[in-house]
């Protein structure tokens, strides 16, 4: 299995732990990710001009060498999918192709890495790679962009792909009603108070569920829920202490890849208790 790999800006910056776990897990699974050369930002949600925003993603899709484009980021995935839909407008596509050296032809499909694992590789095959079933409780947190209508991946209202992956790894996906609620990351700079309030709601529901950790699929969600967790605690005078881990890190732990190789030592919310629970083979809350 081979994909063009669009890492997105965070993989080479704030989400180096995610990058480490992707490399470790996908290499062992035999899934080849060929990073697109000279890639550019997808435009995320902050480029106001529609043509420019679509063109940024069109360039990425056009340079995929005929392979599907895999990305680890919810924002990048959503932007690539929205661009793909927008480029069905022939007038817009022709205008953008006039500016592109490599022309967009519409034959490339963007895929999130979770989709690659769950749908393309398959959970049955993944289960064969599990060396240590994870006897923990985990919150499946998809974020607000991964399963939006039009992304053709999972249910926008009640997605189950991450739940099923957690179950495949021997862990228990807890019932979580905020699984697609925004974490506040996209508005952190413009409205910090509102952003921290959104994060508080998500984190407190996770804590009240009795979960040992939250599992995320997006570097911005991780940044908001991990790096800003202390800020949430300080602002609202609460104690959360909820480890936030990437789904690739969870897979790696079930495959008995060393935690340091997965970047788990780089989190701001310590993962020591979680790792001890996994090593002990029982839920931390038991």
Protein backbone atom coordinates (compact mmCIF):
# COMPACT_ATOMS: atom_id res chain seq x y z
CA UNK A 1 0.00 0.00 0.00
CA UNK A 2 1.37 3.37 -0.99
CA UNK A 3 0.10 6.93 -0.64
CA UNK A 4 1.29 10.41 -1.37
CA UNK A 5 1.76 11.91 2.05
CA UNK A 6 0.74 15.44 2.87
CA UNK A 7 1.99 16.03 6.44
CA UNK A 8 0.60 19.52 6.93
CA UNK A 9 2.39 22.29 8.75
CA UNK A 10 1.96 20.94 12.30
CA UNK A 11 3.85 17.68 11.65
CA UNK A 12 7.10 19.57 11.35
CA UNK A 13 6.34 21.88 14.25
CA UNK A 14 4.01 21.44 17.22
CA UNK A 15 3.05 17.83 16.40
CA UNK A 16 6.46 16.17 16.18
CA UNK A 17 5.15 13.45 18.55
CA UNK A 18 2.38 12.67 16.06
CA UNK A 19 4.94 12.51 13.24
CA UNK A 20 7.07 10.08 15.25
CA UNK A 21 4.14 7.75 15.94
CA UNK A 22 2.96 7.85 12.32
CA UNK A 23 6.43 6.87 11.12
CA UNK A 24 6.82 4.09 13.66
CA UNK A 25 3.37 2.54 13.15
CA UNK A 26 2.98 2.86 9.39
CA UNK A 27 6.47 1.50 8.73
CA UNK A 28 5.72 -1.60 10.79
CA UNK A 29 2.37 -2.07 9.06
CA UNK A 30 4.04 -1.88 5.66
CA UNK A 31 2.09 1.18 4.55
CA UNK A 32 4.32 3.48 2.49
CA UNK A 33 3.85 7.22 2.84
CA UNK A 34 5.80 9.15 0.21
CA UNK A 35 5.94 12.76 1.35
CA UNK A 36 5.00 15.26 -1.32
CA UNK A 37 8.02 17.34 -2.28
CA UNK A 38 7.86 21.09 -1.82
CA UNK A 39 4.38 20.92 -0.31
CA UNK A 40 2.57 24.06 0.79
CA UNK A 41 0.07 24.94 3.52
CA UNK A 42 -3.49 23.84 2.70
CA UNK A 43 -4.83 27.28 3.63
CA UNK A 44 -6.65 25.78 6.65
CA UNK A 45 -9.63 27.96 7.58
CA UNK A 46 -7.88 31.30 7.57
CA UNK A 47 -7.39 32.21 3.90
CA UNK A 48 -10.33 34.45 3.10
CA UNK A 49 -10.04 34.41 -0.69
CA UNK A 50 -11.79 31.27 -1.94
CA UNK A 51 -9.81 30.94 -5.16
CA UNK A 52 -6.49 31.19 -3.33
CA UNK A 53 -7.60 28.72 -0.67
CA UNK A 54 -8.79 26.17 -3.23
CA UNK A 55 -5.65 26.67 -5.33
CA UNK A 56 -3.40 25.85 -2.36
CA UNK A 57 -5.10 22.48 -1.94
CA UNK A 58 -5.37 21.91 -5.70
CA UNK A 59 -1.59 22.16 -5.98
CA UNK A 60 -1.22 19.46 -3.34
CA UNK A 61 -3.70 17.17 -5.06
CA UNK A 62 -2.12 17.79 -8.45
CA UNK A 63 1.35 16.69 -7.30
CA UNK A 64 0.27 13.34 -5.87
CA UNK A 65 1.73 11.23 -8.72
CA UNK A 66 -1.61 9.54 -9.25
CA UNK A 67 -1.78 8.20 -5.69
CA UNK A 68 -4.41 8.99 -3.09
CA UNK A 69 -3.25 11.74 -0.74
CA UNK A 70 -3.06 10.70 2.91
CA UNK A 71 -2.92 13.35 5.62
CA UNK A 72 -2.76 13.16 9.44
CA UNK A 73 -4.58 16.45 10.05
CA UNK A 74 -8.34 16.99 10.32
CA UNK A 75 -8.04 20.57 9.07
CA UNK A 76 -5.92 19.58 6.08
CA UNK A 77 -8.23 16.67 5.28
CA UNK A 78 -11.33 18.86 5.43
CA UNK A 79 -9.73 21.57 3.32
CA UNK A 80 -8.54 19.08 0.69
CA UNK A 81 -12.01 17.53 0.52
CA UNK A 82 -13.71 20.93 0.23
CA UNK A 83 -11.27 21.91 -2.52
CA UNK A 84 -11.97 18.67 -4.38
CA UNK A 85 -15.68 19.48 -4.31
CA UNK A 86 -15.11 23.11 -5.30
CA UNK A 87 -12.98 22.02 -8.27
CA UNK A 88 -15.98 20.28 -9.80
CA UNK A 89 -16.73 23.82 -10.98
CA UNK A 90 -15.01 23.69 -14.38
CA UNK A 91 -14.60 27.46 -14.58
CA UNK A 92 -12.83 27.57 -11.21
CA UNK A 93 -10.70 24.54 -12.06
CA UNK A 94 -9.56 26.06 -15.36
CA UNK A 95 -8.72 29.37 -13.70
CA UNK A 96 -6.65 27.64 -11.03
CA UNK A 97 -4.94 25.31 -13.51
CA UNK A 98 -3.71 28.34 -15.43
CA UNK A 99 -1.58 29.15 -12.39
CA UNK A 100 -0.40 25.61 -11.65
CA UNK A 101 2.69 24.03 -13.17
CA UNK A 102 1.27 20.55 -12.57
CA UNK A 103 -2.41 20.60 -13.52
CA UNK A 104 -5.19 19.27 -11.33
CA UNK A 105 -7.12 16.47 -13.08
CA UNK A 106 -9.58 15.39 -10.40
CA UNK A 107 -8.34 11.81 -10.11
CA UNK A 108 -6.87 12.08 -6.60
CA UNK A 109 -8.80 11.35 -3.41
CA UNK A 110 -7.73 12.81 -0.06
CA UNK A 111 -7.81 10.40 2.87
CA UNK A 112 -7.22 10.92 6.57
CA UNK A 113 -4.75 8.46 8.10
CA UNK A 114 -7.57 7.08 10.25
CA UNK A 115 -9.44 6.19 7.05
CA UNK A 116 -6.31 4.56 5.65
CA UNK A 117 -6.05 2.34 8.74
CA UNK A 118 -9.74 1.54 9.24
CA UNK A 119 -10.95 1.22 5.64
CA UNK A 120 -7.94 0.50 3.43
CA UNK A 121 -5.68 -1.53 5.72
CA UNK A 122 -8.61 -2.91 7.70
CA UNK A 123 -9.23 -3.52 11.38
CA UNK A 124 -9.06 -7.30 10.93
CA UNK A 125 -5.45 -7.03 9.73
CA UNK A 126 -4.68 -4.46 12.40
CA UNK A 127 -5.97 -6.83 15.06
CA UNK A 128 -3.39 -9.37 13.94
CA UNK A 129 -0.65 -6.86 14.83
CA UNK A 130 -1.87 -6.36 18.41
CA UNK A 131 0.69 -7.84 20.78
CA UNK A 132 -0.65 -6.32 24.00
CA UNK A 133 -4.40 -5.68 24.22
CA UNK A 134 -4.95 -2.32 25.91
CA UNK A 135 -7.16 -2.91 28.94
CA UNK A 136 -8.05 0.75 29.37
CA UNK A 137 -11.01 3.05 28.82
CA UNK A 138 -10.53 5.62 26.08
CA UNK A 139 -12.57 8.56 24.81
CA UNK A 140 -12.93 8.55 20.99
CA UNK A 141 -12.67 12.23 20.06
CA UNK A 142 -13.07 12.99 16.35
CA UNK A 143 -13.20 16.78 16.50
CA UNK A 144 -15.48 19.01 14.48
CA UNK A 145 -13.93 18.71 10.99
CA UNK A 146 -13.06 15.07 10.32
CA UNK A 147 -16.58 13.77 9.71
CA UNK A 148 -18.35 16.82 8.31
CA UNK A 149 -20.94 16.13 5.58
CA UNK A 150 -19.24 15.75 2.22
CA UNK A 151 -16.06 14.18 3.62
CA UNK A 152 -17.29 10.71 2.60
CA UNK A 153 -15.59 9.02 5.52
CA UNK A 154 -17.89 8.41 8.49
CA UNK A 155 -21.22 9.50 9.92
CA UNK A 156 -21.28 13.26 10.66
CA UNK A 157 -23.63 12.69 13.61
CA UNK A 158 -22.35 9.50 15.21
CA UNK A 159 -19.03 8.38 13.70
CA UNK A 160 -17.77 4.98 14.83
CA UNK A 161 -14.46 4.42 13.01
CA UNK A 162 -12.31 5.57 15.94
CA UNK A 163 -14.57 3.74 18.42
CA UNK A 164 -14.06 0.54 16.43
CA UNK A 165 -10.31 1.06 16.23
CA UNK A 166 -10.10 1.50 20.01
CA UNK A 167 -12.12 -1.71 20.45
CA UNK A 168 -9.85 -3.53 17.99
CA UNK A 169 -6.85 -2.67 20.18
CA UNK A 170 -8.42 -4.30 23.21
CA UNK A 171 -9.51 -1.05 24.87
CA UNK A 172 -13.00 0.13 25.76
CA UNK A 173 -14.36 3.16 23.87
CA UNK A 174 -16.49 5.02 26.39
CA UNK A 175 -19.82 6.54 25.39
CA UNK A 176 -19.01 10.16 24.70
CA UNK A 177 -21.59 12.68 23.53
CA UNK A 178 -19.07 15.39 22.62
CA UNK A 179 -17.12 13.26 20.15
CA UNK A 180 -17.64 15.75 17.27
CA UNK A 181 -17.89 18.97 19.31
CA UNK A 182 -15.30 21.69 18.59
CA UNK A 183 -12.40 21.81 21.05
CA UNK A 184 -11.96 25.57 20.58
CA UNK A 185 -8.58 25.30 18.86
CA UNK A 186 -9.49 27.29 15.72
CA UNK A 187 -10.56 30.33 17.79
CA UNK A 188 -7.89 30.21 20.51
CA UNK A 189 -6.08 33.31 19.24
CA UNK A 190 -9.17 35.38 18.51
CA UNK A 191 -11.25 34.45 21.58
CA UNK A 192 -9.22 32.64 24.23
CA UNK A 193 -11.95 32.72 26.87
CA UNK A 194 -14.48 31.00 24.64
CA UNK A 195 -11.86 28.53 23.38
CA UNK A 196 -10.85 27.49 26.90
CA UNK A 197 -14.52 27.13 27.85
CA UNK A 198 -15.11 24.74 24.97
CA UNK A 199 -12.02 22.74 25.94
CA UNK A 200 -13.21 22.62 29.57
CA UNK A 201 -16.54 21.08 28.55
CA UNK A 202 -14.86 18.42 26.45
CA UNK A 203 -12.23 17.57 29.06
CA UNK A 204 -14.65 17.46 31.99
CA UNK A 205 -17.04 15.14 30.17
CA UNK A 206 -14.07 12.89 29.41
CA UNK A 207 -13.02 12.89 33.06
CA UNK A 208 -16.55 12.18 34.27
CA UNK A 209 -16.76 9.21 31.89
CA UNK A 210 -14.04 7.45 33.87
CA UNK A 211 -11.73 7.27 30.87
CA UNK A 212 -7.97 6.78 31.21
CA UNK A 213 -7.22 8.94 28.17
CA UNK A 214 -8.67 10.78 25.19
CA UNK A 215 -7.73 9.61 21.70
CA UNK A 216 -7.50 12.29 19.02
CA UNK A 217 -6.89 12.39 15.28
CA UNK A 218 -5.88 16.02 14.84
CA UNK A 219 -2.78 18.05 15.83
CA UNK A 220 -4.84 21.17 16.58
CA UNK A 221 -7.17 19.22 18.87
CA UNK A 222 -4.14 17.76 20.61
CA UNK A 223 -2.55 21.16 21.02
CA UNK A 224 -5.74 22.57 22.53
CA UNK A 225 -6.54 19.66 24.85
CA UNK A 226 -2.99 18.76 25.89
CA UNK A 227 -0.92 21.95 25.78
CA UNK A 228 -3.78 24.17 27.00
CA UNK A 229 -5.10 21.77 29.63
CA UNK A 230 -3.16 23.53 32.41
CA UNK A 231 -4.60 26.87 31.28
CA UNK A 232 -8.10 25.39 31.46
CA UNK A 233 -7.42 24.07 34.97
CA UNK A 234 -6.10 27.43 36.13
CA UNK A 235 -8.90 29.49 34.61
CA UNK A 236 -11.74 27.40 35.99
CA UNK A 237 -10.03 26.19 39.18
CA UNK A 238 -10.46 22.51 38.35
CA UNK A 239 -8.22 19.45 38.13
CA UNK A 240 -8.43 17.34 34.99
CA UNK A 241 -5.15 15.44 34.46
CA UNK A 242 -6.40 13.73 31.31
CA UNK A 243 -3.75 12.31 28.93
CA UNK A 244 -4.43 13.20 25.28
CA UNK A 245 -2.91 10.75 22.83
CA UNK A 246 -2.99 10.34 19.06
CA UNK A 247 -4.70 7.28 17.61
CA UNK A 248 -1.37 6.28 16.07
CA UNK A 249 0.22 6.31 19.52
CA UNK A 250 -2.57 4.05 20.79
CA UNK A 251 -1.93 1.64 17.91
CA UNK A 252 1.79 1.73 18.65
CA UNK A 253 1.26 0.86 22.31
CA UNK A 254 -0.86 -2.15 21.32
CA UNK A 255 1.95 -3.20 18.97
CA UNK A 256 4.42 -2.86 21.86
CA UNK A 257 6.39 -0.08 20.20
CA UNK A 258 8.41 1.71 22.92
CA UNK A 259 6.56 4.80 24.22
CA UNK A 260 9.55 7.06 23.57
CA UNK A 261 9.61 6.00 19.92
CA UNK A 262 5.96 7.08 19.75
CA UNK A 263 6.75 10.52 21.19
CA UNK A 264 4.72 9.99 24.36
CA UNK A 265 7.40 11.66 26.46
CA UNK A 266 6.79 14.94 24.61
CA UNK A 267 3.27 15.54 25.92
CA UNK A 268 2.61 18.30 28.41
CA UNK A 269 0.03 16.22 30.29
CA UNK A 270 2.12 13.26 31.53
CA UNK A 271 1.26 9.81 30.21
CA UNK A 272 3.02 7.89 33.03
CA UNK A 273 -0.20 6.72 34.74
CA UNK A 274 -1.69 5.66 31.43
CA UNK A 275 1.41 3.65 30.53
CA UNK A 276 1.43 2.06 33.97
CA UNK A 277 -2.22 1.05 33.51
CA UNK A 278 -1.44 -0.54 30.16
CA UNK A 279 1.58 -2.32 31.56
CA UNK A 280 -0.51 -3.59 34.45
CA UNK A 281 -3.21 -4.78 32.08
CA UNK A 282 -6.13 -3.16 33.86
CA UNK A 283 -8.08 0.06 33.88
CA UNK A 284 -6.59 2.86 35.90
CA UNK A 285 -10.01 3.52 37.40
CA UNK A 286 -10.49 -0.02 38.67
